[in-house]
Amino acid sequence: MKASQYIPYNLLLKTKARELRNNPTDAERKMWYEVLASDKFVMYNFHRQKPILNYIVDFYSSRLKLAIELDGDSHFEQAKYDNERTIQLNQYGIKVIRYYNDEILKSLEWVYNNILIKIKKRERELKSPKPPLSRGQN
């Protein structure tokens, strides 16, 4: 999939995404205002509660094709759903990284530094040439 290719989303999710943006969890609020909206990350143009495919991702940078998901206690019970969702997003070239709410609330400096590391790695991945597709031999 080309980096500039349009990624579809379910239009019915726009209203729900707006509701989620207007009512963030404590971890989402902290992540947004203290990390992703900071000067260090502004160039990556992250969006909150972004509809992609049939999902709403917590934070998304189209420049990086990077989704950041914050997982609360309920995510322990929906690991299979989260895994399937990640697989589908990966098929569109979107890298998904996850943090637990407790990490945001109790170890924000570590999360901040970890995101910087993962963004630098992602930038290298996006710049590296892709190997040609293999062809069967005659």
C-alpha atoms as a PDB file:
ATOM      1  CA  MET A   1       0.000   0.000   0.000  1.00  0.00           C
ATOM      2  CA  LYS A   2       1.340   3.418  -0.945  1.00  0.00           C
ATOM      3  CA  ALA A   3       1.973   5.889   1.876  1.00  0.00           C
ATOM      4  CA  SER A   4      -0.276   8.479   0.234  1.00  0.00           C
ATOM      5  CA  GLN A   5      -3.153   6.090  -0.408  1.00  0.00           C
ATOM      6  CA  TYR A   6      -6.490   7.052   1.128  1.00  0.00           C
ATOM      7  CA  ILE A   7      -7.487   5.030   4.175  1.00  0.00           C
ATOM      8  CA  PRO A   8     -11.271   4.612   4.360  1.00  0.00           C
ATOM      9  CA  TYR A   9     -13.380   5.039   7.472  1.00  0.00           C
ATOM     10  CA  ASN A  10     -16.943   4.390   8.504  1.00  0.00           C
ATOM     11  CA  LEU A  11     -18.807   7.729   8.315  1.00  0.00           C
ATOM     12  CA  LEU A  12     -21.140   6.566  11.079  1.00  0.00           C
ATOM     13  CA  LEU A  13     -18.212   6.786  13.523  1.00  0.00           C
ATOM     14  CA  LYS A  14     -17.754  10.562  13.180  1.00  0.00           C
ATOM     15  CA  THR A  15     -20.384  11.416  15.813  1.00  0.00           C
ATOM     16  CA  LYS A  16     -19.018   8.842  18.263  1.00  0.00           C
ATOM     17  CA  ALA A  17     -15.466  10.114  17.709  1.00  0.00           C
ATOM     18  CA  ARG A  18     -16.592  13.674  18.456  1.00  0.00           C
ATOM     19  CA  GLU A  19     -18.275  12.484  21.678  1.00  0.00           C
ATOM     20  CA  LEU A  20     -15.079  10.701  22.724  1.00  0.00           C
ATOM     21  CA  ARG A  21     -12.971  13.811  21.997  1.00  0.00           C
ATOM     22  CA  ASN A  22     -15.311  15.895  24.140  1.00  0.00           C
ATOM     23  CA  ASN A  23     -15.212  13.396  27.029  1.00  0.00           C
ATOM     24  CA  PRO A  24     -11.645  12.073  27.286  1.00  0.00           C
ATOM     25  CA  THR A  25     -10.463   9.771  30.035  1.00  0.00           C
ATOM     26  CA  ASP A  26      -7.892  11.157  32.468  1.00  0.00           C
ATOM     27  CA  ALA A  27      -5.153   9.231  30.642  1.00  0.00           C
ATOM     28  CA  GLU A  28      -6.266  10.507  27.221  1.00  0.00           C
ATOM     29  CA  ARG A  29      -6.395  14.093  28.494  1.00  0.00           C
ATOM     30  CA  LYS A  30      -2.911  13.805  30.016  1.00  0.00           C
ATOM     31  CA  MET A  31      -1.475  12.142  26.884  1.00  0.00           C
ATOM     32  CA  TRP A  32      -2.941  14.836  24.652  1.00  0.00           C
ATOM     33  CA  TYR A  33      -2.165  17.984  26.607  1.00  0.00           C
ATOM     34  CA  GLU A  34       1.131  16.969  28.174  1.00  0.00           C
ATOM     35  CA  VAL A  35       2.643  14.910  25.358  1.00  0.00           C
ATOM     36  CA  LEU A  36       1.147  14.896  21.863  1.00  0.00           C
ATOM     37  CA  ALA A  37       0.070  18.552  21.752  1.00  0.00           C
ATOM     38  CA  SER A  38       3.474  19.684  23.051  1.00  0.00           C
ATOM     39  CA  ASP A  39       5.996  21.506  20.877  1.00  0.00           C
ATOM     40  CA  LYS A  40       8.109  18.357  20.491  1.00  0.00           C
ATOM     41  CA  PHE A  41       5.269  16.459  18.774  1.00  0.00           C
ATOM     42  CA  VAL A  42       3.325  19.205  16.980  1.00  0.00           C
ATOM     43  CA  MET A  43       5.112  18.542  13.662  1.00  0.00           C
ATOM     44  CA  TYR A  44       3.584  15.042  13.541  1.00  0.00           C
ATOM     45  CA  ASN A  45       0.043  16.460  13.520  1.00  0.00           C
ATOM     46  CA  PHE A  46      -1.622  13.921  15.807  1.00  0.00           C
ATOM     47  CA  HIS A  47      -5.427  13.768  15.904  1.00  0.00           C
ATOM     48  CA  ARG A  48      -7.568  12.557  18.781  1.00  0.00           C
ATOM     49  CA  GLN A  49     -10.242   9.893  18.399  1.00  0.00           C
ATOM     50  CA  LYS A  50      -9.672   9.378  14.684  1.00  0.00           C
ATOM     51  CA  PRO A  51     -12.046   7.117  12.715  1.00  0.00           C
ATOM     52  CA  ILE A  52     -10.080   4.659  10.569  1.00  0.00           C
ATOM     53  CA  LEU A  53     -11.720   1.692   8.836  1.00  0.00           C
ATOM     54  CA  ASN A  54     -14.437   0.547  11.273  1.00  0.00           C
ATOM     55  CA  TYR A  55     -12.549   1.703  14.360  1.00  0.00           C
ATOM     56  CA  ILE A  56     -11.769   4.837  16.308  1.00  0.00           C
ATOM     57  CA  VAL A  57      -8.117   5.064  17.320  1.00  0.00           C
ATOM     58  CA  ASP A  58      -7.200   7.158  20.344  1.00  0.00           C
ATOM     59  CA  PHE A  59      -4.447   9.170  18.599  1.00  0.00           C
ATOM     60  CA  TYR A  60      -3.304   9.114  14.992  1.00  0.00           C
ATOM     61  CA  SER A  61      -0.608  10.748  12.867  1.00  0.00           C
ATOM     62  CA  SER A  62      -1.194  10.354   9.130  1.00  0.00           C
ATOM     63  CA  ARG A  63       2.341  11.611   8.479  1.00  0.00           C
ATOM     64  CA  LEU A  64       3.744   8.665  10.439  1.00  0.00           C
ATOM     65  CA  LYS A  65       0.880   6.256   9.756  1.00  0.00           C
ATOM     66  CA  LEU A  66       1.047   5.707  13.510  1.00  0.00           C
ATOM     67  CA  ALA A  67      -1.819   5.001  15.903  1.00  0.00           C
ATOM     68  CA  ILE A  68      -1.375   5.287  19.656  1.00  0.00           C
ATOM     69  CA  GLU A  69      -3.859   3.368  21.750  1.00  0.00           C
ATOM     70  CA  LEU A  70      -4.399   3.763  25.490  1.00  0.00           C
ATOM     71  CA  ASP A  71      -5.644   0.650  27.207  1.00  0.00           C
ATOM     72  CA  GLY A  72      -7.631   0.627  30.419  1.00  0.00           C
ATOM     73  CA  ASP A  73      -8.617  -2.373  32.502  1.00  0.00           C
ATOM     74  CA  SER A  74     -11.323  -3.410  30.006  1.00  0.00           C
ATOM     75  CA  HIS A  75      -8.682  -4.137  27.360  1.00  0.00           C
ATOM     76  CA  PHE A  76      -7.526  -7.211  29.284  1.00  0.00           C
ATOM     77  CA  GLU A  77     -10.894  -8.762  28.435  1.00  0.00           C
ATOM     78  CA  GLN A  78     -10.832  -7.765  24.761  1.00  0.00           C
ATOM     79  CA  ALA A  79      -7.324  -8.773  23.751  1.00  0.00           C
ATOM     80  CA  LYS A  80      -8.623 -10.819  20.803  1.00  0.00           C
ATOM     81  CA  TYR A  81     -10.572  -7.812  19.460  1.00  0.00           C
ATOM     82  CA  ASP A  82      -7.549  -5.519  19.915  1.00  0.00           C
ATOM     83  CA  ASN A  83      -5.325  -8.007  18.104  1.00  0.00           C
ATOM     84  CA  GLU A  84      -7.719  -8.287  15.134  1.00  0.00           C
ATOM     85  CA  ARG A  85      -8.028  -4.520  15.001  1.00  0.00           C
ATOM     86  CA  THR A  86      -4.228  -4.130  14.972  1.00  0.00           C
ATOM     87  CA  ILE A  87      -3.926  -6.690  12.169  1.00  0.00           C
ATOM     88  CA  GLN A  88      -6.451  -4.785  10.031  1.00  0.00           C
ATOM     89  CA  LEU A  89      -4.737  -1.436  10.670  1.00  0.00           C
ATOM     90  CA  ASN A  90      -1.347  -3.002   9.858  1.00  0.00           C
ATOM     91  CA  GLN A  91      -2.752  -4.109   6.488  1.00  0.00           C
ATOM     92  CA  TYR A  92      -3.066  -0.402   5.640  1.00  0.00           C
ATOM     93  CA  GLY A  93       0.503   0.247   6.734  1.00  0.00           C
ATOM     94  CA  ILE A  94      -0.513   1.716  10.086  1.00  0.00           C
ATOM     95  CA  LYS A  95       1.771   0.926  13.012  1.00  0.00           C
ATOM     96  CA  VAL A  96      -0.052   0.598  16.352  1.00  0.00           C
ATOM     97  CA  ILE A  97       1.596   1.213  19.703  1.00  0.00           C
ATOM     98  CA  ARG A  98      -0.132   0.730  23.027  1.00  0.00           C
ATOM     99  CA  TYR A  99       0.232   2.106  26.507  1.00  0.00           C
ATOM    100  CA  TYR A 100      -1.714   1.256  29.637  1.00  0.00           C
ATOM    101  CA  ASN A 101      -3.585   4.090  31.326  1.00  0.00           C
ATOM    102  CA  ASP A 102      -1.499   3.547  34.478  1.00  0.00           C
ATOM    103  CA  GLU A 103       1.682   4.154  32.471  1.00  0.00           C
ATOM    104  CA  ILE A 104       0.313   7.508  31.345  1.00  0.00           C
ATOM    105  CA  LEU A 105      -0.904   8.515  34.785  1.00  0.00           C
ATOM    106  CA  LYS A 106       2.107   7.302  36.788  1.00  0.00           C
ATOM    107  CA  SER A 107       5.089   7.246  34.400  1.00  0.00           C
ATOM    108  CA  LEU A 108       4.441  10.013  31.893  1.00  0.00           C
ATOM    109  CA  GLU A 109       8.111  10.918  31.450  1.00  0.00           C
ATOM    110  CA  TRP A 110       8.881   7.309  30.485  1.00  0.00           C
ATOM    111  CA  VAL A 111       5.935   7.304  28.017  1.00  0.00           C
ATOM    112  CA  TYR A 112       7.083  10.621  26.545  1.00  0.00           C
ATOM    113  CA  ASN A 113      10.607   9.301  25.955  1.00  0.00           C
ATOM    114  CA  ASN A 114       9.323   5.963  24.670  1.00  0.00           C
ATOM    115  CA  ILE A 115       7.105   7.691  22.104  1.00  0.00           C
ATOM    116  CA  LEU A 116      10.081   9.761  20.920  1.00  0.00           C
ATOM    117  CA  ILE A 117      12.081   6.552  20.407  1.00  0.00           C
ATOM    118  CA  LYS A 118       9.207   4.850  18.564  1.00  0.00           C
ATOM    119  CA  ILE A 119       8.593   7.871  16.345  1.00  0.00           C
ATOM    120  CA  LYS A 120      12.259   8.011  15.319  1.00  0.00           C
ATOM    121  CA  LYS A 121      12.132   4.291  14.544  1.00  0.00           C
ATOM    122  CA  ARG A 122       8.925   4.767  12.559  1.00  0.00           C
ATOM    123  CA  GLU A 123      10.473   7.608  10.539  1.00  0.00           C
ATOM    124  CA  ARG A 124      13.366   5.306   9.613  1.00  0.00           C
ATOM    125  CA  GLU A 125      10.918   2.544   8.616  1.00  0.00           C
ATOM    126  CA  LEU A 126       9.007   4.895   6.344  1.00  0.00           C
ATOM    127  CA  LYS A 127      12.200   6.159   4.682  1.00  0.00           C
ATOM    128  CA  SER A 128      13.754   2.753   4.069  1.00  0.00           C
ATOM    129  CA  PRO A 129      13.196   1.331   0.589  1.00  0.00           C
ATOM    130  CA  LYS A 130      10.900  -1.635   0.373  1.00  0.00           C
ATOM    131  CA  PRO A 131      12.310  -4.826  -1.163  1.00  0.00           C
ATOM    132  CA  PRO A 132      10.789  -5.722  -4.536  1.00  0.00           C
ATOM    133  CA  LEU A 133       7.998  -8.244  -4.545  1.00  0.00           C
ATOM    134  CA  SER A 134       9.261 -11.722  -5.261  1.00  0.00           C
ATOM    135  CA  ARG A 135       8.208 -13.505  -8.408  1.00  0.00           C
ATOM    136  CA  GLY A 136       7.924 -17.181  -9.000  1.00  0.00           C
ATOM    137  CA  GLN A 137      10.619 -18.776 -11.076  1.00  0.00           C
ATOM    138  CA  ASN A 138       9.814 -20.284 -14.485  1.00  0.00           C
END
